[in-house]
Amino acid sequence: MNIIKIRKSGTFYNVFDDNCYILYFFFNYNIKNNKVGFPKSSLNKVINKLEEFKINYEVIGDCSNNFKNLNKYSKYLKLGFEKYNKDIKYTNIMEKLGTVSDLKLERILMNIEAILDE
């Protein structure tokens, strides 16, 4: 079902599985073990964003919103996956660049500049 389920856990709220990527897309929340957590103080910010972009949500034991056919869950799930994968690639490249020699780094940077100037 295309709905973000937000679960309260103490003073935090957690979102699991694919839903993580939507919150990552909007807020850059860290994804760890297929879970995103945020403090209780951020709940209104999260809900306001989900409502603004018409994404169905349910705060388990609290509230929910159903935009029916207007639900944009799938669109933002796709965008979240794309953003996350791009950011992971960027991080991996930056880590690798930190291990290469200065001469090799200079060649890499020249190639990147050439591609960007095309």
N, C-alpha and C. Protein backbone atom coordinates (compact mmCIF):
# COMPACT_ATOMS: atom_id res chain seq x y z
N MET A 1 0.85 -1.19 0.00
CA MET A 1 0.00 0.00 0.00
C MET A 1 0.89 1.24 0.00
N ASN A 2 0.52 2.25 -0.72
CA ASN A 2 1.31 3.45 -0.86
C ASN A 2 1.01 4.45 0.25
N ILE A 3 1.56 4.16 1.42
CA ILE A 3 1.34 5.01 2.59
C ILE A 3 2.60 4.96 3.46
N ILE A 4 2.98 6.11 3.97
CA ILE A 4 4.10 6.14 4.90
C ILE A 4 3.54 5.89 6.30
N LYS A 5 4.05 4.86 6.93
CA LYS A 5 3.65 4.55 8.30
C LYS A 5 4.74 5.05 9.24
N ILE A 6 4.34 5.93 10.13
CA ILE A 6 5.26 6.54 11.09
C ILE A 6 4.94 5.96 12.46
N ARG A 7 5.94 5.34 13.09
CA ARG A 7 5.72 4.69 14.37
C ARG A 7 6.46 5.42 15.48
N LYS A 8 5.76 5.67 16.57
CA LYS A 8 6.37 6.33 17.72
C LYS A 8 7.18 5.32 18.52
N SER A 9 8.35 5.77 18.95
CA SER A 9 9.22 4.93 19.79
C SER A 9 9.88 5.84 20.81
N GLY A 10 9.28 5.94 21.98
CA GLY A 10 9.80 6.85 23.00
C GLY A 10 9.61 8.29 22.56
N THR A 11 10.72 9.03 22.52
CA THR A 11 10.66 10.43 22.10
C THR A 11 11.00 10.60 20.61
N PHE A 12 11.07 9.48 19.90
CA PHE A 12 11.38 9.50 18.47
C PHE A 12 10.26 8.85 17.68
N TYR A 13 10.28 9.14 16.39
CA TYR A 13 9.41 8.47 15.43
C TYR A 13 10.30 7.75 14.43
N ASN A 14 9.86 6.59 13.98
CA ASN A 14 10.62 5.79 13.03
C ASN A 14 9.78 5.49 11.80
N VAL A 15 10.48 5.43 10.67
CA VAL A 15 9.89 5.06 9.40
C VAL A 15 10.77 3.96 8.82
N PHE A 16 10.16 2.93 8.26
CA PHE A 16 10.90 1.75 7.85
C PHE A 16 10.79 1.47 6.35
N ASP A 17 11.71 0.65 5.88
CA ASP A 17 11.71 0.09 4.53
C ASP A 17 11.70 1.18 3.46
N ASP A 18 10.92 1.00 2.39
CA ASP A 18 10.93 1.96 1.28
C ASP A 18 10.56 3.37 1.72
N ASN A 19 9.73 3.48 2.74
CA ASN A 19 9.32 4.80 3.22
C ASN A 19 10.51 5.68 3.61
N CYS A 20 11.61 5.05 4.00
CA CYS A 20 12.81 5.79 4.38
C CYS A 20 13.29 6.70 3.26
N TYR A 21 13.19 6.23 2.04
CA TYR A 21 13.74 6.97 0.91
C TYR A 21 12.96 8.25 0.62
N ILE A 22 11.70 8.24 0.95
CA ILE A 22 10.92 9.46 0.77
C ILE A 22 11.36 10.51 1.78
N LEU A 23 11.55 10.11 3.04
CA LEU A 23 12.02 11.07 4.04
C LEU A 23 13.46 11.48 3.76
N TYR A 24 14.25 10.58 3.22
CA TYR A 24 15.61 10.93 2.82
C TYR A 24 15.56 11.99 1.73
N PHE A 25 14.68 11.82 0.78
CA PHE A 25 14.55 12.76 -0.33
C PHE A 25 14.24 14.17 0.18
N PHE A 26 13.29 14.27 1.10
CA PHE A 26 12.88 15.58 1.57
C PHE A 26 13.79 16.17 2.65
N PHE A 27 14.32 15.34 3.54
CA PHE A 27 15.00 15.86 4.73
C PHE A 27 16.46 15.41 4.89
N ASN A 28 16.94 14.54 4.00
CA ASN A 28 18.29 13.98 4.12
C ASN A 28 18.51 13.25 5.45
N TYR A 29 17.46 12.67 5.99
CA TYR A 29 17.61 11.87 7.21
C TYR A 29 18.47 10.65 6.90
N ASN A 30 19.33 10.28 7.83
CA ASN A 30 20.19 9.11 7.65
C ASN A 30 19.37 7.84 7.66
N ILE A 31 19.70 6.95 6.73
CA ILE A 31 19.06 5.64 6.67
C ILE A 31 20.04 4.64 7.27
N LYS A 32 19.60 3.96 8.32
CA LYS A 32 20.42 2.92 8.95
C LYS A 32 19.54 1.71 9.20
N ASN A 33 20.03 0.58 8.73
CA ASN A 33 19.30 -0.68 8.90
C ASN A 33 17.86 -0.57 8.40
N ASN A 34 17.71 0.07 7.24
CA ASN A 34 16.40 0.21 6.60
C ASN A 34 15.40 0.98 7.47
N LYS A 35 15.94 1.95 8.25
CA LYS A 35 15.10 2.73 9.16
C LYS A 35 15.59 4.17 9.20
N VAL A 36 14.63 5.08 9.30
CA VAL A 36 14.91 6.50 9.52
C VAL A 36 14.22 6.87 10.82
N GLY A 37 14.94 7.60 11.66
CA GLY A 37 14.35 8.09 12.90
C GLY A 37 14.46 9.60 12.98
N PHE A 38 13.48 10.21 13.62
CA PHE A 38 13.53 11.65 13.82
C PHE A 38 12.84 11.97 15.15
N PRO A 39 13.23 13.09 15.77
CA PRO A 39 12.67 13.42 17.09
C PRO A 39 11.21 13.85 17.02
N LYS A 40 10.55 13.72 18.13
CA LYS A 40 9.15 14.10 18.25
C LYS A 40 8.93 15.55 17.80
N SER A 41 9.90 16.40 18.06
CA SER A 41 9.78 17.82 17.71
C SER A 41 9.72 18.05 16.20
N SER A 42 10.11 17.06 15.40
CA SER A 42 10.10 17.19 13.94
C SER A 42 8.85 16.61 13.30
N LEU A 43 7.97 16.02 14.08
CA LEU A 43 6.80 15.35 13.51
C LEU A 43 5.95 16.31 12.68
N ASN A 44 5.67 17.50 13.18
CA ASN A 44 4.84 18.45 12.43
C ASN A 44 5.49 18.83 11.12
N LYS A 45 6.81 19.00 11.12
CA LYS A 45 7.54 19.33 9.89
C LYS A 45 7.37 18.22 8.87
N VAL A 46 7.49 16.98 9.31
CA VAL A 46 7.36 15.83 8.41
C VAL A 46 5.93 15.74 7.88
N ILE A 47 4.95 15.86 8.75
CA ILE A 47 3.55 15.78 8.33
C ILE A 47 3.21 16.91 7.36
N ASN A 48 3.67 18.11 7.66
CA ASN A 48 3.39 19.24 6.76
C ASN A 48 3.96 19.00 5.36
N LYS A 49 5.17 18.44 5.29
CA LYS A 49 5.78 18.17 3.99
C LYS A 49 5.00 17.08 3.26
N LEU A 50 4.61 16.02 3.96
CA LEU A 50 3.84 14.95 3.32
C LEU A 50 2.50 15.47 2.81
N GLU A 51 1.87 16.33 3.57
CA GLU A 51 0.61 16.91 3.11
C GLU A 51 0.82 17.86 1.94
N GLU A 52 1.88 18.65 2.00
CA GLU A 52 2.17 19.59 0.91
C GLU A 52 2.33 18.85 -0.42
N PHE A 53 2.99 17.68 -0.37
CA PHE A 53 3.25 16.92 -1.59
C PHE A 53 2.26 15.78 -1.80
N LYS A 54 1.18 15.79 -1.02
CA LYS A 54 0.08 14.83 -1.17
C LYS A 54 0.55 13.38 -1.13
N ILE A 55 1.21 13.05 -0.04
CA ILE A 55 1.68 11.68 0.18
C ILE A 55 0.90 11.12 1.38
N ASN A 56 0.23 10.00 1.17
CA ASN A 56 -0.52 9.38 2.25
C ASN A 56 0.41 8.99 3.39
N TYR A 57 -0.09 9.20 4.61
CA TYR A 57 0.69 8.82 5.78
C TYR A 57 -0.24 8.39 6.90
N GLU A 58 0.35 7.68 7.84
CA GLU A 58 -0.35 7.30 9.06
C GLU A 58 0.65 7.34 10.19
N VAL A 59 0.30 8.07 11.23
CA VAL A 59 1.10 8.04 12.46
C VAL A 59 0.40 7.00 13.33
N ILE A 60 1.05 5.86 13.49
CA ILE A 60 0.43 4.72 14.16
C ILE A 60 -0.08 5.16 15.54
N GLY A 61 -1.38 4.96 15.74
CA GLY A 61 -2.00 5.31 17.02
C GLY A 61 -2.29 6.79 17.17
N ASP A 62 -2.13 7.57 16.08
CA ASP A 62 -2.32 9.01 16.22
C ASP A 62 -3.20 9.57 15.11
N CYS A 63 -2.65 9.78 13.93
CA CYS A 63 -3.43 10.42 12.86
C CYS A 63 -3.01 9.86 11.51
N SER A 64 -3.80 10.18 10.48
CA SER A 64 -3.46 9.77 9.13
C SER A 64 -4.10 10.73 8.14
N ASN A 65 -3.67 10.59 6.88
CA ASN A 65 -4.26 11.38 5.81
C ASN A 65 -4.25 10.53 4.56
N ASN A 66 -5.34 10.55 3.83
CA ASN A 66 -5.47 9.75 2.62
C ASN A 66 -5.86 10.67 1.47
N PHE A 67 -4.95 10.85 0.53
CA PHE A 67 -5.21 11.71 -0.62
C PHE A 67 -5.87 10.96 -1.77
N LYS A 68 -6.22 9.70 -1.53
CA LYS A 68 -6.89 8.85 -2.52
C LYS A 68 -6.13 8.85 -3.85
N ASN A 69 -6.77 9.20 -4.95
CA ASN A 69 -6.13 9.15 -6.26
C ASN A 69 -5.06 10.22 -6.45
N LEU A 70 -5.00 11.21 -5.58
CA LEU A 70 -3.99 12.27 -5.69
C LEU A 70 -2.66 11.87 -5.04
N ASN A 71 -2.63 10.71 -4.38
CA ASN A 71 -1.45 10.27 -3.65
C ASN A 71 -0.21 10.25 -4.54
N LYS A 72 0.84 10.92 -4.13
CA LYS A 72 2.09 11.02 -4.89
C LYS A 72 3.20 10.14 -4.30
N TYR A 73 2.83 9.16 -3.50
CA TYR A 73 3.80 8.29 -2.83
C TYR A 73 4.80 7.70 -3.83
N SER A 74 4.32 7.09 -4.89
CA SER A 74 5.20 6.39 -5.85
C SER A 74 6.20 7.35 -6.49
N LYS A 75 5.74 8.53 -6.83
CA LYS A 75 6.62 9.54 -7.44
C LYS A 75 7.79 9.88 -6.51
N TYR A 76 7.49 10.14 -5.24
CA TYR A 76 8.54 10.55 -4.31
C TYR A 76 9.37 9.37 -3.82
N LEU A 77 8.83 8.17 -3.87
CA LEU A 77 9.63 6.99 -3.58
C LEU A 77 10.71 6.84 -4.64
N LYS A 78 10.33 6.98 -5.91
CA LYS A 78 11.30 6.89 -7.01
C LYS A 78 12.36 7.98 -6.88
N LEU A 79 11.94 9.21 -6.62
CA LEU A 79 12.90 10.30 -6.47
C LEU A 79 13.82 10.08 -5.26
N GLY A 80 13.27 9.52 -4.21
CA GLY A 80 14.08 9.22 -3.03
C GLY A 80 15.14 8.18 -3.31
N PHE A 81 14.77 7.10 -4.01
CA PHE A 81 15.74 6.07 -4.39
C PHE A 81 16.84 6.67 -5.25
N GLU A 82 16.45 7.47 -6.24
CA GLU A 82 17.44 8.08 -7.14
C GLU A 82 18.40 8.98 -6.39
N LYS A 83 17.88 9.81 -5.51
CA LYS A 83 18.73 10.73 -4.73
C LYS A 83 19.68 9.95 -3.83
N TYR A 84 19.16 8.93 -3.15
CA TYR A 84 19.98 8.13 -2.25
C TYR A 84 21.10 7.44 -3.01
N ASN A 85 20.78 6.82 -4.14
CA ASN A 85 21.80 6.12 -4.93
C ASN A 85 22.86 7.08 -5.47
N LYS A 86 22.43 8.25 -5.91
CA LYS A 86 23.38 9.26 -6.39
C LYS A 86 24.30 9.72 -5.25
N ASP A 87 23.73 9.94 -4.08
CA ASP A 87 24.54 10.39 -2.94
C ASP A 87 25.53 9.31 -2.49
N ILE A 88 25.12 8.05 -2.55
CA ILE A 88 26.02 6.95 -2.20
C ILE A 88 27.18 6.90 -3.19
N LYS A 89 26.89 7.04 -4.49
CA LYS A 89 27.95 7.06 -5.51
C LYS A 89 28.91 8.20 -5.25
N TYR A 90 28.37 9.38 -4.98
CA TYR A 90 29.20 10.55 -4.72
C TYR A 90 30.12 10.31 -3.51
N THR A 91 29.55 9.77 -2.43
CA THR A 91 30.35 9.49 -1.23
C THR A 91 31.45 8.48 -1.53
N ASN A 92 31.13 7.43 -2.28
CA ASN A 92 32.13 6.41 -2.62
C ASN A 92 33.26 7.00 -3.47
N ILE A 93 32.90 7.86 -4.43
CA ILE A 93 33.91 8.48 -5.28
C ILE A 93 34.81 9.39 -4.44
N MET A 94 34.21 10.16 -3.54
CA MET A 94 35.01 11.06 -2.69
C MET A 94 35.98 10.26 -1.81
N GLU A 95 35.53 9.13 -1.30
CA GLU A 95 36.42 8.29 -0.49
C GLU A 95 37.57 7.75 -1.33
N LYS A 96 37.28 7.31 -2.55
CA LYS A 96 38.32 6.80 -3.43
C LYS A 96 39.30 7.89 -3.82
N LEU A 97 38.80 9.11 -4.08
CA LEU A 97 39.69 10.21 -4.45
C LEU A 97 40.67 10.55 -3.33
N GLY A 98 40.24 10.32 -2.11
CA GLY A 98 41.12 10.57 -0.96
C GLY A 98 42.28 9.60 -0.86
N THR A 99 42.26 8.54 -1.65
CA THR A 99 43.32 7.52 -1.55
C THR A 99 44.28 7.53 -2.74
N VAL A 100 44.01 8.36 -3.76
CA VAL A 100 44.87 8.35 -4.95
C VAL A 100 46.01 9.35 -4.80
N SER A 101 47.06 9.13 -5.58
CA SER A 101 48.22 10.02 -5.54
C SER A 101 47.84 11.40 -6.10
N ASP A 102 48.65 12.40 -5.77
CA ASP A 102 48.39 13.76 -6.26
C ASP A 102 48.41 13.82 -7.78
N LEU A 103 49.33 13.10 -8.40
CA LEU A 103 49.43 13.11 -9.85
C LEU A 103 48.17 12.51 -10.49
N LYS A 104 47.74 11.38 -9.96
CA LYS A 104 46.53 10.74 -10.49
C LYS A 104 45.30 11.62 -10.23
N LEU A 105 45.24 12.24 -9.07
CA LEU A 105 44.13 13.12 -8.75
C LEU A 105 44.05 14.29 -9.74
N GLU A 106 45.20 14.84 -10.08
CA GLU A 106 45.24 15.96 -11.03
C GLU A 106 44.69 15.52 -12.39
N ARG A 107 45.06 14.33 -12.84
CA ARG A 107 44.55 13.82 -14.12
C ARG A 107 43.04 13.60 -14.06
N ILE A 108 42.57 13.05 -12.96
CA ILE A 108 41.14 12.81 -12.79
C ILE A 108 40.38 14.14 -12.83
N LEU A 109 40.87 15.13 -12.12
CA LEU A 109 40.21 16.43 -12.08
C LEU A 109 40.20 17.10 -13.45
N MET A 110 41.29 16.96 -14.20
CA MET A 110 41.33 17.52 -15.54
C MET A 110 40.28 16.86 -16.44
N ASN A 111 40.13 15.54 -16.32
CA ASN A 111 39.11 14.82 -17.09
C ASN A 111 37.70 15.27 -16.71
N ILE A 112 37.48 15.44 -15.43
CA ILE A 112 36.15 15.89 -14.96
C ILE A 112 35.86 17.29 -15.50
N GLU A 113 36.83 18.18 -15.42
CA GLU A 113 36.64 19.54 -15.93
C GLU A 113 36.36 19.52 -17.44
N ALA A 114 37.05 18.67 -18.17
CA ALA A 114 36.84 18.58 -19.62
C ALA A 114 35.41 18.13 -19.92
N ILE A 115 34.93 17.16 -19.18
CA ILE A 115 33.57 16.66 -19.38
C ILE A 115 32.55 17.76 -19.03
N LEU A 116 32.79 18.47 -17.96
CA LEU A 116 31.85 19.52 -17.55
C LEU A 116 31.84 20.69 -18.52
N ASP A 117 32.96 20.92 -19.19
CA ASP A 117 33.05 22.03 -20.14
C ASP A 117 32.51 21.69 -21.52
N GLU A 118 32.12 20.44 -21.75
CA GLU A 118 31.59 20.03 -23.07
C GLU A 118 30.32 20.76 -23.41
